[in-house]
Amino acid sequence: MINTRAAGDARHARTGKDGALYNEDGVLLATVESFQAQASYSNAKYSVLGNAQELETANTFGITLTMSQIVVEDDEFIVELMEAMETQTMPVWNFQGVLTGRNGSEERVTYREVVPSGSIDIQNITTGDVIKRSWSFFVNRPPKLQSKLTVG
């Protein structure tokens, strides 16, 4: 049988123009140049008597989010972060990452209980370049797939 929906079919490829980042209420967030969600798995290794091969079993996983924000104006992200540093009560956010298809379908993933993690740019200025702010987050609840992309 011939695969009529080959992965190399450019008609169905999505680009960054087809994605967006929303808050939990569906309101478009900051002007974001890039957004990435990654799962990292840590397995427990073990070996059994009579088997020379080392084995692994599922142990833990973590979800990290990173984004590069184009600074147009100060928004709720930086305001909440600066207030959090002053009050020493860290913010907790909920995000939705959305990828839209040309046929009206969308892949929507909800990230809940997201906290700042790692390095975050407070001010980052380079002569002759667009001002950007890098953000790093950790997700404390499993991501939830709300809807899937379809072809056709």
N, C-alpha and C. Protein backbone atom coordinates (compact mmCIF):
# COMPACT_ATOMS: atom_id res chain seq x y z
N MET A 1 0.85 -1.18 0.00
CA MET A 1 0.00 0.00 0.00
C MET A 1 0.89 1.24 0.00
N ILE A 2 0.54 2.24 -0.74
CA ILE A 2 1.30 3.48 -0.84
C ILE A 2 0.85 4.44 0.25
N ASN A 3 1.82 5.06 0.92
CA ASN A 3 1.53 6.04 1.95
C ASN A 3 1.20 7.37 1.27
N THR A 4 -0.06 7.77 1.31
CA THR A 4 -0.48 9.02 0.66
C THR A 4 -0.28 10.23 1.56
N ARG A 5 0.11 9.99 2.81
CA ARG A 5 0.34 11.10 3.75
C ARG A 5 1.75 11.02 4.29
N ALA A 6 2.71 10.96 3.40
CA ALA A 6 4.11 10.83 3.80
C ALA A 6 4.54 12.02 4.65
N ALA A 7 5.47 11.75 5.58
CA ALA A 7 5.96 12.81 6.47
C ALA A 7 6.61 13.94 5.69
N GLY A 8 7.14 13.65 4.50
CA GLY A 8 7.81 14.67 3.70
C GLY A 8 6.86 15.52 2.88
N ASP A 9 5.55 15.33 3.01
CA ASP A 9 4.57 16.10 2.24
C ASP A 9 4.47 17.50 2.82
N ALA A 10 5.09 18.46 2.15
CA ALA A 10 5.18 19.83 2.66
C ALA A 10 3.83 20.51 2.80
N ARG A 11 2.82 20.00 2.14
CA ARG A 11 1.49 20.62 2.27
C ARG A 11 0.97 20.55 3.70
N HIS A 12 1.46 19.60 4.49
CA HIS A 12 0.95 19.43 5.85
C HIS A 12 1.93 19.88 6.92
N ALA A 13 3.10 20.37 6.52
CA ALA A 13 4.10 20.81 7.50
C ALA A 13 3.64 22.09 8.18
N ARG A 14 3.89 22.20 9.46
CA ARG A 14 3.53 23.39 10.23
C ARG A 14 4.78 24.21 10.49
N THR A 15 4.61 25.51 10.62
CA THR A 15 5.73 26.41 10.91
C THR A 15 5.44 27.18 12.19
N GLY A 16 6.38 28.00 12.61
CA GLY A 16 6.18 28.82 13.80
C GLY A 16 5.02 29.79 13.66
N LYS A 17 4.64 30.13 12.43
CA LYS A 17 3.51 31.03 12.23
C LYS A 17 2.20 30.37 12.63
N ASP A 18 2.22 29.04 12.76
CA ASP A 18 1.01 28.29 13.06
C ASP A 18 0.86 28.01 14.55
N GLY A 19 1.72 28.59 15.38
CA GLY A 19 1.68 28.33 16.82
C GLY A 19 1.47 29.59 17.62
N ALA A 20 1.01 29.41 18.84
CA ALA A 20 0.82 30.53 19.75
C ALA A 20 0.82 30.02 21.19
N LEU A 21 1.03 30.93 22.11
CA LEU A 21 1.04 30.62 23.54
C LEU A 21 -0.03 31.46 24.22
N TYR A 22 -0.91 30.78 24.97
CA TYR A 22 -2.05 31.45 25.61
C TYR A 22 -2.00 31.22 27.11
N ASN A 23 -2.70 32.08 27.86
CA ASN A 23 -2.84 31.81 29.29
C ASN A 23 -3.98 30.81 29.48
N GLU A 24 -4.29 30.48 30.71
CA GLU A 24 -5.30 29.45 30.96
C GLU A 24 -6.70 29.85 30.51
N ASP A 25 -6.93 31.16 30.32
CA ASP A 25 -8.24 31.64 29.87
C ASP A 25 -8.32 31.78 28.36
N GLY A 26 -7.25 31.38 27.65
CA GLY A 26 -7.25 31.47 26.20
C GLY A 26 -6.86 32.83 25.65
N VAL A 27 -6.30 33.70 26.49
CA VAL A 27 -5.86 35.02 26.05
C VAL A 27 -4.41 34.91 25.58
N LEU A 28 -4.14 35.42 24.36
CA LEU A 28 -2.80 35.38 23.81
C LEU A 28 -1.84 36.10 24.76
N LEU A 29 -0.71 35.43 25.05
CA LEU A 29 0.26 36.00 25.98
C LEU A 29 1.24 36.90 25.26
N ALA A 30 2.39 37.07 25.85
CA ALA A 30 3.43 37.95 25.34
C ALA A 30 3.81 37.60 23.90
N THR A 31 4.44 38.56 23.23
CA THR A 31 4.95 38.33 21.88
C THR A 31 6.16 37.42 22.00
N VAL A 32 5.99 36.17 21.60
CA VAL A 32 7.00 35.15 21.81
C VAL A 32 7.62 34.75 20.48
N GLU A 33 8.95 34.79 20.39
CA GLU A 33 9.66 34.39 19.18
C GLU A 33 9.75 32.87 19.08
N SER A 34 9.98 32.22 20.21
CA SER A 34 10.06 30.76 20.22
C SER A 34 9.53 30.23 21.54
N PHE A 35 9.01 29.01 21.49
CA PHE A 35 8.46 28.34 22.66
C PHE A 35 8.78 26.87 22.52
N GLN A 36 9.26 26.24 23.60
CA GLN A 36 9.62 24.84 23.54
C GLN A 36 9.21 24.15 24.83
N ALA A 37 8.53 23.01 24.69
CA ALA A 37 8.18 22.17 25.83
C ALA A 37 8.91 20.85 25.65
N GLN A 38 9.62 20.40 26.68
CA GLN A 38 10.38 19.16 26.60
C GLN A 38 10.12 18.28 27.81
N ALA A 39 10.04 16.98 27.55
CA ALA A 39 9.94 15.99 28.62
C ALA A 39 11.31 15.35 28.78
N SER A 40 11.74 15.19 30.03
CA SER A 40 13.01 14.54 30.33
C SER A 40 12.73 13.35 31.24
N TYR A 41 13.17 12.17 30.82
CA TYR A 41 12.90 10.95 31.58
C TYR A 41 14.16 10.46 32.27
N SER A 42 14.01 10.05 33.52
CA SER A 42 15.09 9.43 34.28
C SER A 42 14.63 8.04 34.67
N ASN A 43 15.30 7.05 34.15
CA ASN A 43 14.94 5.66 34.43
C ASN A 43 15.85 5.06 35.48
N ALA A 44 15.36 4.05 36.19
CA ALA A 44 16.18 3.31 37.15
C ALA A 44 16.80 2.12 36.43
N LYS A 45 18.12 2.00 36.52
CA LYS A 45 18.82 0.88 35.88
C LYS A 45 18.93 -0.29 36.86
N TYR A 46 18.87 -1.49 36.30
CA TYR A 46 19.04 -2.67 37.13
C TYR A 46 19.55 -3.82 36.26
N SER A 47 20.07 -4.84 36.91
CA SER A 47 20.48 -6.05 36.20
C SER A 47 20.00 -7.25 37.00
N VAL A 48 19.69 -8.31 36.28
CA VAL A 48 19.18 -9.53 36.93
C VAL A 48 20.20 -10.65 36.78
N LEU A 49 20.19 -11.55 37.71
CA LEU A 49 21.09 -12.69 37.66
C LEU A 49 20.86 -13.48 36.37
N GLY A 50 21.93 -13.86 35.75
CA GLY A 50 21.86 -14.68 34.55
C GLY A 50 21.67 -13.88 33.27
N ASN A 51 21.61 -12.54 33.36
CA ASN A 51 21.43 -11.71 32.17
C ASN A 51 22.53 -10.65 32.16
N ALA A 52 23.36 -10.65 31.13
CA ALA A 52 24.47 -9.70 31.06
C ALA A 52 24.01 -8.31 30.63
N GLN A 53 22.80 -8.22 30.11
CA GLN A 53 22.32 -6.93 29.63
C GLN A 53 21.75 -6.10 30.78
N GLU A 54 22.15 -4.83 30.84
CA GLU A 54 21.59 -3.90 31.81
C GLU A 54 20.21 -3.49 31.32
N LEU A 55 19.26 -3.37 32.25
CA LEU A 55 17.88 -3.02 31.92
C LEU A 55 17.50 -1.70 32.60
N GLU A 56 16.41 -1.11 32.13
CA GLU A 56 15.88 0.11 32.75
C GLU A 56 14.39 -0.04 32.94
N THR A 57 13.89 0.65 33.96
CA THR A 57 12.46 0.74 34.18
C THR A 57 12.11 2.20 34.41
N ALA A 58 10.90 2.56 34.06
CA ALA A 58 10.47 3.95 34.21
C ALA A 58 10.56 4.38 35.66
N ASN A 59 11.09 5.57 35.90
CA ASN A 59 11.24 6.09 37.25
C ASN A 59 10.56 7.44 37.38
N THR A 60 11.16 8.49 36.82
CA THR A 60 10.57 9.82 36.93
C THR A 60 10.66 10.55 35.60
N PHE A 61 9.86 11.60 35.47
CA PHE A 61 9.97 12.48 34.32
C PHE A 61 9.73 13.91 34.77
N GLY A 62 10.22 14.85 34.00
CA GLY A 62 10.02 16.26 34.27
C GLY A 62 9.73 16.98 32.97
N ILE A 63 8.95 18.04 33.06
CA ILE A 63 8.59 18.84 31.89
C ILE A 63 9.15 20.24 32.08
N THR A 64 9.93 20.70 31.10
CA THR A 64 10.45 22.06 31.13
C THR A 64 9.90 22.84 29.94
N LEU A 65 9.69 24.12 30.16
CA LEU A 65 9.27 25.03 29.10
C LEU A 65 10.31 26.12 28.99
N THR A 66 10.64 26.51 27.78
CA THR A 66 11.51 27.66 27.56
C THR A 66 10.87 28.51 26.47
N MET A 67 11.08 29.81 26.55
CA MET A 67 10.59 30.69 25.51
C MET A 67 11.50 31.90 25.38
N SER A 68 11.50 32.46 24.20
CA SER A 68 12.22 33.69 23.92
C SER A 68 11.17 34.73 23.59
N GLN A 69 11.06 35.72 24.44
CA GLN A 69 10.04 36.75 24.30
C GLN A 69 10.63 37.99 23.63
N ILE A 70 9.93 38.55 22.66
CA ILE A 70 10.30 39.83 22.07
C ILE A 70 9.72 40.90 23.00
N VAL A 71 10.58 41.79 23.49
CA VAL A 71 10.12 42.82 24.44
C VAL A 71 9.52 43.98 23.66
N VAL A 72 8.21 44.11 23.74
CA VAL A 72 7.49 45.23 23.12
C VAL A 72 7.13 46.22 24.21
N GLU A 73 6.57 45.71 25.27
CA GLU A 73 6.26 46.51 26.46
C GLU A 73 6.28 45.55 27.64
N ASP A 74 6.42 46.08 28.83
CA ASP A 74 6.38 45.22 30.01
C ASP A 74 4.98 44.64 30.14
N ASP A 75 4.92 43.33 30.37
CA ASP A 75 3.64 42.66 30.46
C ASP A 75 3.51 41.98 31.82
N GLU A 76 2.46 41.20 31.98
CA GLU A 76 2.19 40.55 33.27
C GLU A 76 3.31 39.62 33.70
N PHE A 77 3.99 38.97 32.73
CA PHE A 77 5.07 38.06 33.10
C PHE A 77 6.14 38.76 33.94
N ILE A 78 6.69 39.81 33.40
CA ILE A 78 7.80 40.48 34.10
C ILE A 78 7.28 41.19 35.35
N VAL A 79 6.08 41.74 35.29
CA VAL A 79 5.51 42.40 36.47
C VAL A 79 5.35 41.40 37.61
N GLU A 80 4.76 40.24 37.32
CA GLU A 80 4.56 39.22 38.35
C GLU A 80 5.88 38.67 38.86
N LEU A 81 6.86 38.51 37.98
CA LEU A 81 8.16 38.01 38.41
C LEU A 81 8.85 39.00 39.34
N MET A 82 8.84 40.27 38.98
CA MET A 82 9.49 41.29 39.81
C MET A 82 8.78 41.42 41.17
N GLU A 83 7.45 41.37 41.17
CA GLU A 83 6.70 41.41 42.43
C GLU A 83 7.03 40.18 43.27
N ALA A 84 7.17 39.03 42.63
CA ALA A 84 7.48 37.80 43.35
C ALA A 84 8.84 37.87 44.03
N MET A 85 9.81 38.47 43.36
CA MET A 85 11.14 38.59 43.97
C MET A 85 11.08 39.52 45.18
N GLU A 86 10.25 40.54 45.09
CA GLU A 86 10.14 41.49 46.20
C GLU A 86 9.40 40.86 47.39
N THR A 87 8.32 40.14 47.11
CA THR A 87 7.53 39.53 48.18
C THR A 87 8.03 38.16 48.59
N GLN A 88 8.92 37.58 47.78
CA GLN A 88 9.46 36.24 47.97
C GLN A 88 8.37 35.17 47.95
N THR A 89 7.33 35.42 47.16
CA THR A 89 6.28 34.45 46.89
C THR A 89 6.27 34.21 45.39
N MET A 90 6.81 33.06 44.98
CA MET A 90 6.99 32.81 43.56
C MET A 90 5.67 32.64 42.82
N PRO A 91 5.60 33.14 41.59
CA PRO A 91 4.36 33.01 40.81
C PRO A 91 4.17 31.59 40.32
N VAL A 92 2.91 31.24 40.06
CA VAL A 92 2.55 29.96 39.47
C VAL A 92 1.61 30.28 38.31
N TRP A 93 1.96 29.77 37.11
CA TRP A 93 1.17 30.06 35.92
C TRP A 93 0.60 28.80 35.32
N ASN A 94 -0.42 28.97 34.48
CA ASN A 94 -0.97 27.91 33.65
C ASN A 94 -0.93 28.41 32.21
N PHE A 95 -0.39 27.60 31.29
CA PHE A 95 -0.25 27.99 29.90
C PHE A 95 -0.97 27.00 28.99
N GLN A 96 -1.25 27.46 27.78
CA GLN A 96 -1.73 26.60 26.71
C GLN A 96 -0.85 26.84 25.49
N GLY A 97 -0.25 25.78 24.97
CA GLY A 97 0.49 25.87 23.72
C GLY A 97 -0.42 25.36 22.61
N VAL A 98 -0.50 26.12 21.50
CA VAL A 98 -1.43 25.78 20.43
C VAL A 98 -0.71 25.78 19.09
N LEU A 99 -0.93 24.72 18.31
CA LEU A 99 -0.44 24.62 16.94
C LEU A 99 -1.66 24.41 16.06
N THR A 100 -1.86 25.29 15.07
CA THR A 100 -3.05 25.22 14.23
C THR A 100 -2.74 24.60 12.87
N GLY A 101 -3.69 23.85 12.37
CA GLY A 101 -3.58 23.24 11.05
C GLY A 101 -4.37 24.05 10.04
N ARG A 102 -4.08 23.86 8.78
CA ARG A 102 -4.78 24.62 7.73
C ARG A 102 -6.22 24.17 7.56
N ASN A 103 -6.56 23.01 8.10
CA ASN A 103 -7.92 22.50 7.96
C ASN A 103 -8.80 22.85 9.16
N GLY A 104 -8.30 23.75 10.03
CA GLY A 104 -9.08 24.17 11.20
C GLY A 104 -8.82 23.34 12.44
N SER A 105 -8.08 22.25 12.32
CA SER A 105 -7.76 21.45 13.51
C SER A 105 -6.67 22.16 14.30
N GLU A 106 -6.52 21.77 15.54
CA GLU A 106 -5.46 22.36 16.37
C GLU A 106 -4.97 21.34 17.38
N GLU A 107 -3.67 21.45 17.67
CA GLU A 107 -3.09 20.70 18.78
C GLU A 107 -2.98 21.68 19.93
N ARG A 108 -3.70 21.41 21.01
CA ARG A 108 -3.70 22.29 22.18
C ARG A 108 -3.25 21.48 23.38
N VAL A 109 -2.19 21.94 24.05
CA VAL A 109 -1.66 21.28 25.24
C VAL A 109 -1.70 22.27 26.39
N THR A 110 -2.23 21.83 27.53
CA THR A 110 -2.29 22.68 28.71
C THR A 110 -1.16 22.29 29.66
N TYR A 111 -0.44 23.29 30.13
CA TYR A 111 0.65 23.13 31.10
C TYR A 111 0.20 23.81 32.38
N ARG A 112 0.12 23.05 33.49
CA ARG A 112 -0.43 23.57 34.74
C ARG A 112 0.63 23.62 35.84
N GLU A 113 0.44 24.54 36.74
CA GLU A 113 1.34 24.75 37.88
C GLU A 113 2.77 24.95 37.40
N VAL A 114 2.94 25.92 36.52
CA VAL A 114 4.23 26.25 35.92
C VAL A 114 4.93 27.29 36.79
N VAL A 115 6.17 27.00 37.16
CA VAL A 115 6.94 27.91 38.02
C VAL A 115 8.24 28.30 37.33
N PRO A 116 8.78 29.49 37.64
CA PRO A 116 10.08 29.87 37.09
C PRO A 116 11.14 28.86 37.53
N SER A 117 12.06 28.54 36.62
CA SER A 117 13.12 27.58 36.93
C SER A 117 14.33 27.90 36.07
N GLY A 118 15.50 27.93 36.66
CA GLY A 118 16.70 28.23 35.88
C GLY A 118 16.86 29.72 35.67
N SER A 119 17.51 30.10 34.59
CA SER A 119 17.81 31.49 34.30
C SER A 119 16.67 32.18 33.55
N ILE A 120 16.38 33.41 33.96
CA ILE A 120 15.39 34.25 33.30
C ILE A 120 16.02 35.62 33.10
N ASP A 121 15.94 36.13 31.87
CA ASP A 121 16.47 37.46 31.59
C ASP A 121 15.56 38.53 32.19
N ILE A 122 16.15 39.40 33.00
CA ILE A 122 15.41 40.55 33.49
C ILE A 122 15.56 41.69 32.49
N GLN A 123 16.78 42.00 32.12
CA GLN A 123 17.07 42.93 31.03
C GLN A 123 18.20 42.33 30.21
N ASN A 124 18.04 42.36 28.90
CA ASN A 124 19.02 41.78 28.00
C ASN A 124 19.06 42.68 26.77
N ILE A 125 20.07 43.51 26.67
CA ILE A 125 20.13 44.51 25.60
C ILE A 125 21.40 44.30 24.78
N THR A 126 21.23 44.25 23.46
CA THR A 126 22.35 44.14 22.53
C THR A 126 22.19 45.21 21.47
N THR A 127 23.23 45.98 21.21
CA THR A 127 23.18 47.03 20.21
C THR A 127 22.81 46.45 18.85
N GLY A 128 21.84 47.08 18.19
CA GLY A 128 21.45 46.68 16.84
C GLY A 128 20.59 45.45 16.75
N ASP A 129 20.10 44.93 17.85
CA ASP A 129 19.28 43.72 17.82
C ASP A 129 17.95 44.00 18.48
N VAL A 130 16.96 43.17 18.18
CA VAL A 130 15.67 43.25 18.85
C VAL A 130 15.88 42.81 20.30
N ILE A 131 15.29 43.52 21.23
CA ILE A 131 15.43 43.17 22.64
C ILE A 131 14.56 41.95 22.93
N LYS A 132 15.19 40.93 23.51
CA LYS A 132 14.51 39.67 23.82
C LYS A 132 14.71 39.33 25.29
N ARG A 133 13.80 38.56 25.82
CA ARG A 133 13.90 38.08 27.19
C ARG A 133 13.70 36.58 27.18
N SER A 134 14.68 35.83 27.67
CA SER A 134 14.58 34.37 27.73
C SER A 134 13.97 33.95 29.07
N TRP A 135 13.07 32.99 28.98
CA TRP A 135 12.38 32.46 30.16
C TRP A 135 12.58 30.96 30.24
N SER A 136 12.68 30.44 31.47
CA SER A 136 12.74 29.01 31.73
C SER A 136 11.75 28.66 32.83
N PHE A 137 11.00 27.59 32.61
CA PHE A 137 9.96 27.18 33.55
C PHE A 137 10.04 25.68 33.81
N PHE A 138 9.43 25.26 34.92
CA PHE A 138 9.25 23.84 35.20
C PHE A 138 7.76 23.61 35.41
N VAL A 139 7.24 22.51 34.89
CA VAL A 139 5.82 22.19 34.95
C VAL A 139 5.60 21.16 36.05
N ASN A 140 4.77 21.49 37.04
CA ASN A 140 4.56 20.61 38.19
C ASN A 140 3.36 19.69 38.09
N ARG A 141 2.62 19.76 37.00
CA ARG A 141 1.52 18.82 36.75
C ARG A 141 1.72 18.25 35.36
N PRO A 142 1.33 17.02 35.11
CA PRO A 142 1.51 16.46 33.76
C PRO A 142 0.77 17.30 32.72
N PRO A 143 1.40 17.53 31.55
CA PRO A 143 0.70 18.27 30.50
C PRO A 143 -0.52 17.48 30.03
N LYS A 144 -1.53 18.20 29.58
CA LYS A 144 -2.77 17.55 29.13
C LYS A 144 -3.03 17.92 27.67
N LEU A 145 -3.16 16.90 26.83
CA LEU A 145 -3.49 17.10 25.42
C LEU A 145 -4.99 17.38 25.32
N GLN A 146 -5.34 18.61 24.93
CA GLN A 146 -6.74 19.00 24.84
C GLN A 146 -7.35 18.67 23.48
N SER A 147 -6.53 18.82 22.42
CA SER A 147 -7.00 18.51 21.07
C SER A 147 -5.80 18.18 20.20
N LYS A 148 -6.04 17.43 19.07
CA LYS A 148 -4.96 16.97 18.21
C LYS A 148 -5.10 17.55 16.81
N LEU A 149 -3.94 17.73 16.16
CA LEU A 149 -3.92 18.09 14.75
C LEU A 149 -4.40 16.90 13.93
N THR A 150 -5.08 17.19 12.85
CA THR A 150 -5.49 16.15 11.91
C THR A 150 -5.12 16.59 10.51
N VAL A 151 -5.05 15.65 9.60
CA VAL A 151 -4.79 15.94 8.19
C VAL A 151 -6.01 15.48 7.41
N GLY A 152 -6.52 16.39 6.58
CA GLY A 152 -7.67 16.01 5.73
C GLY A 152 -8.99 16.41 6.29
